[in-house]
């Protein structure tokens, strides 16, 4: 399915409504680029940035057009660092939805622990789950993001106050 501008919820109609952020591991950037490419093939353009660049003060373009931030983790990272990163993203882009991809995690007990510990709207473990969640969210501005293969959704964020 390729979405056209008219298929998207109003807050998803910017030039790049998705920001994909890679963690610091050597393969995290490749996984993040694959996610951005997959989204692009379905009509959702994404900016790609490295976590290191954000930490050094670089900012994404058109933050007012960002509807979703996807954090990509192929390599292990501490939960406290992920929580901190999610909080920073919510403060920097009020009302944004957060998707976290743990691309190597498959253990149900670990996923449940991660779901409780990370304040993201959804956790996914595959590009297919991420694509399904993002496509659904992009058509409904108030619906929570849902990944059909996981039970890790949280309520959607309320829109930022004017």
Protein backbone atom coordinates (compact mmCIF):
# COMPACT_ATOMS: atom_id res chain seq x y z
CA UNK A 1 0.00 0.00 0.00
CA UNK A 2 1.34 3.40 -1.00
CA UNK A 3 -0.26 6.32 0.77
CA UNK A 4 -0.98 9.58 -1.01
CA UNK A 5 -1.17 12.96 0.70
CA UNK A 6 -4.99 12.73 0.76
CA UNK A 7 -4.75 9.40 2.67
CA UNK A 8 -2.80 10.96 5.52
CA UNK A 9 -4.14 12.60 8.65
CA UNK A 10 -3.53 16.39 8.60
CA UNK A 11 -0.59 16.26 11.02
CA UNK A 12 1.13 13.67 8.76
CA UNK A 13 1.02 15.74 5.55
CA UNK A 14 4.36 17.50 5.96
CA UNK A 15 7.29 16.74 3.67
CA UNK A 16 8.92 14.42 6.22
CA UNK A 17 6.44 13.49 8.97
CA UNK A 18 8.73 10.81 10.40
CA UNK A 19 12.10 11.23 12.07
CA UNK A 20 14.13 8.00 12.32
CA UNK A 21 16.97 8.12 14.84
CA UNK A 22 19.71 5.52 14.96
CA UNK A 23 21.45 4.55 18.16
CA UNK A 24 25.21 4.46 18.46
CA UNK A 25 26.00 0.83 17.57
CA UNK A 26 27.83 -0.01 14.35
CA UNK A 27 24.74 -1.58 12.72
CA UNK A 28 22.09 0.76 14.13
CA UNK A 29 22.42 3.20 11.24
CA UNK A 30 21.83 0.44 8.68
CA UNK A 31 18.67 -0.71 10.49
CA UNK A 32 17.45 2.89 10.69
CA UNK A 33 18.06 3.48 6.99
CA UNK A 34 16.14 0.28 6.19
CA UNK A 35 13.18 1.53 8.25
CA UNK A 36 13.22 4.93 6.54
CA UNK A 37 13.45 3.29 3.11
CA UNK A 38 10.55 0.96 3.93
CA UNK A 39 8.39 3.86 5.06
CA UNK A 40 9.32 5.86 1.96
CA UNK A 41 8.23 3.04 -0.32
CA UNK A 42 4.80 3.29 1.27
CA UNK A 43 4.46 7.06 0.87
CA UNK A 44 5.85 8.27 4.20
CA UNK A 45 9.07 10.22 3.84
CA UNK A 46 11.44 10.20 6.79
CA UNK A 47 14.42 12.19 7.94
CA UNK A 48 17.27 10.07 9.29
CA UNK A 49 19.62 11.23 12.02
CA UNK A 50 22.14 9.61 14.29
CA UNK A 51 21.69 9.88 18.04
CA UNK A 52 25.25 11.21 18.21
CA UNK A 53 24.35 14.13 15.94
CA UNK A 54 21.37 15.00 18.13
CA UNK A 55 23.52 14.83 21.26
CA UNK A 56 26.01 17.20 19.60
CA UNK A 57 23.27 19.76 19.01
CA UNK A 58 22.24 19.04 15.42
CA UNK A 59 18.49 19.40 14.92
CA UNK A 60 16.16 17.80 12.39
CA UNK A 61 14.64 19.92 9.68
CA UNK A 62 11.05 21.11 10.03
CA UNK A 63 10.39 19.86 13.57
CA UNK A 64 6.90 21.37 13.32
CA UNK A 65 6.07 18.75 10.66
CA UNK A 66 7.22 15.72 12.67
CA UNK A 67 4.32 13.46 13.70
CA UNK A 68 6.38 10.42 14.77
CA UNK A 69 9.89 9.77 16.01
CA UNK A 70 11.24 6.25 15.55
CA UNK A 71 14.20 5.26 17.70
CA UNK A 72 16.10 2.29 16.33
CA UNK A 73 18.11 -0.08 18.54
CA UNK A 74 19.88 -3.05 17.03
CA UNK A 75 22.71 -3.05 19.55
CA UNK A 76 22.08 -3.21 23.32
CA UNK A 77 21.67 0.06 25.22
CA UNK A 78 20.64 0.87 28.79
CA UNK A 79 16.97 1.32 29.63
CA UNK A 80 17.72 4.52 31.52
CA UNK A 81 19.30 5.96 28.36
CA UNK A 82 16.23 5.01 26.30
CA UNK A 83 13.83 6.54 28.86
CA UNK A 84 15.90 9.73 28.90
CA UNK A 85 15.93 9.89 25.09
CA UNK A 86 12.15 9.42 24.87
CA UNK A 87 11.57 12.16 27.47
CA UNK A 88 13.86 14.51 25.56
CA UNK A 89 12.01 13.82 22.31
CA UNK A 90 8.63 14.52 23.88
CA UNK A 91 9.93 17.80 25.31
CA UNK A 92 11.51 18.86 22.00
CA UNK A 93 8.48 17.99 19.84
CA UNK A 94 5.29 18.31 21.95
CA UNK A 95 2.51 15.95 20.91
CA UNK A 96 4.82 13.67 18.94
CA UNK A 97 4.27 9.93 18.99
CA UNK A 98 7.22 7.68 19.78
CA UNK A 99 7.99 4.28 18.29
CA UNK A 100 10.95 2.27 19.56
CA UNK A 101 12.35 -0.58 17.51
CA UNK A 102 14.30 -3.26 19.37
CA UNK A 103 15.31 -5.19 16.26
CA UNK A 104 17.05 -8.12 17.97
CA UNK A 105 14.69 -8.72 20.88
CA UNK A 106 12.40 -11.74 20.64
CA UNK A 107 12.01 -12.96 24.22
CA UNK A 108 8.43 -12.25 25.42
CA UNK A 109 9.54 -11.68 29.02
CA UNK A 110 12.17 -9.17 27.92
CA UNK A 111 9.68 -7.39 25.68
CA UNK A 112 7.22 -7.08 28.55
CA UNK A 113 9.97 -5.65 30.77
CA UNK A 114 10.93 -3.19 28.03
CA UNK A 115 7.30 -2.19 27.49
CA UNK A 116 6.92 -1.33 31.16
CA UNK A 117 10.24 0.48 31.37
CA UNK A 118 10.15 2.59 28.20
CA UNK A 119 7.51 5.31 27.86
CA UNK A 120 7.11 4.94 24.10
CA UNK A 121 3.74 4.68 22.40
CA UNK A 122 4.73 1.34 20.90
CA UNK A 123 7.62 -1.10 20.81
CA UNK A 124 8.29 -3.20 17.74
CA UNK A 125 10.76 -5.93 16.91
CA UNK A 126 10.54 -6.08 13.12
CA UNK A 127 10.26 -3.78 10.14
CA UNK A 128 6.88 -5.33 9.31
CA UNK A 129 5.53 -4.45 12.76
CA UNK A 130 6.93 -0.93 12.47
CA UNK A 131 5.42 -0.46 9.02
CA UNK A 132 1.98 -1.68 10.13
CA UNK A 133 2.03 0.58 13.19
CA UNK A 134 3.16 3.67 11.29
CA UNK A 135 0.74 3.18 8.38
CA UNK A 136 -2.18 2.88 10.80
CA UNK A 137 -1.14 5.93 12.80
CA UNK A 138 -0.56 8.06 9.71
CA UNK A 139 -4.21 7.82 8.71
CA UNK A 140 -5.71 8.67 12.10
CA UNK A 141 -4.36 11.68 14.03
CA UNK A 142 -5.87 10.66 17.36
CA UNK A 143 -5.53 6.88 17.34
CA UNK A 144 -2.75 5.20 19.28
CA UNK A 145 -0.05 3.47 17.29
CA UNK A 146 -0.69 -0.25 17.16
CA UNK A 147 1.60 -3.08 16.20
CA UNK A 148 -0.54 -6.09 15.41
CA UNK A 149 2.12 -8.62 16.34
CA UNK A 150 2.73 -7.19 19.81
CA UNK A 151 0.64 -6.12 22.76
CA UNK A 152 2.85 -3.14 23.56
CA UNK A 153 0.74 -0.13 22.71
CA UNK A 154 0.16 2.80 24.98
CA UNK A 155 -2.45 5.55 24.61
CA UNK A 156 -1.68 8.21 22.04
CA UNK A 157 -0.40 11.54 23.23
CA UNK A 158 -2.82 14.40 23.42
CA UNK A 159 -2.15 17.15 20.87
CA UNK A 160 0.06 19.95 22.12
CA UNK A 161 -1.78 22.89 23.66
CA UNK A 162 -1.85 26.02 21.53
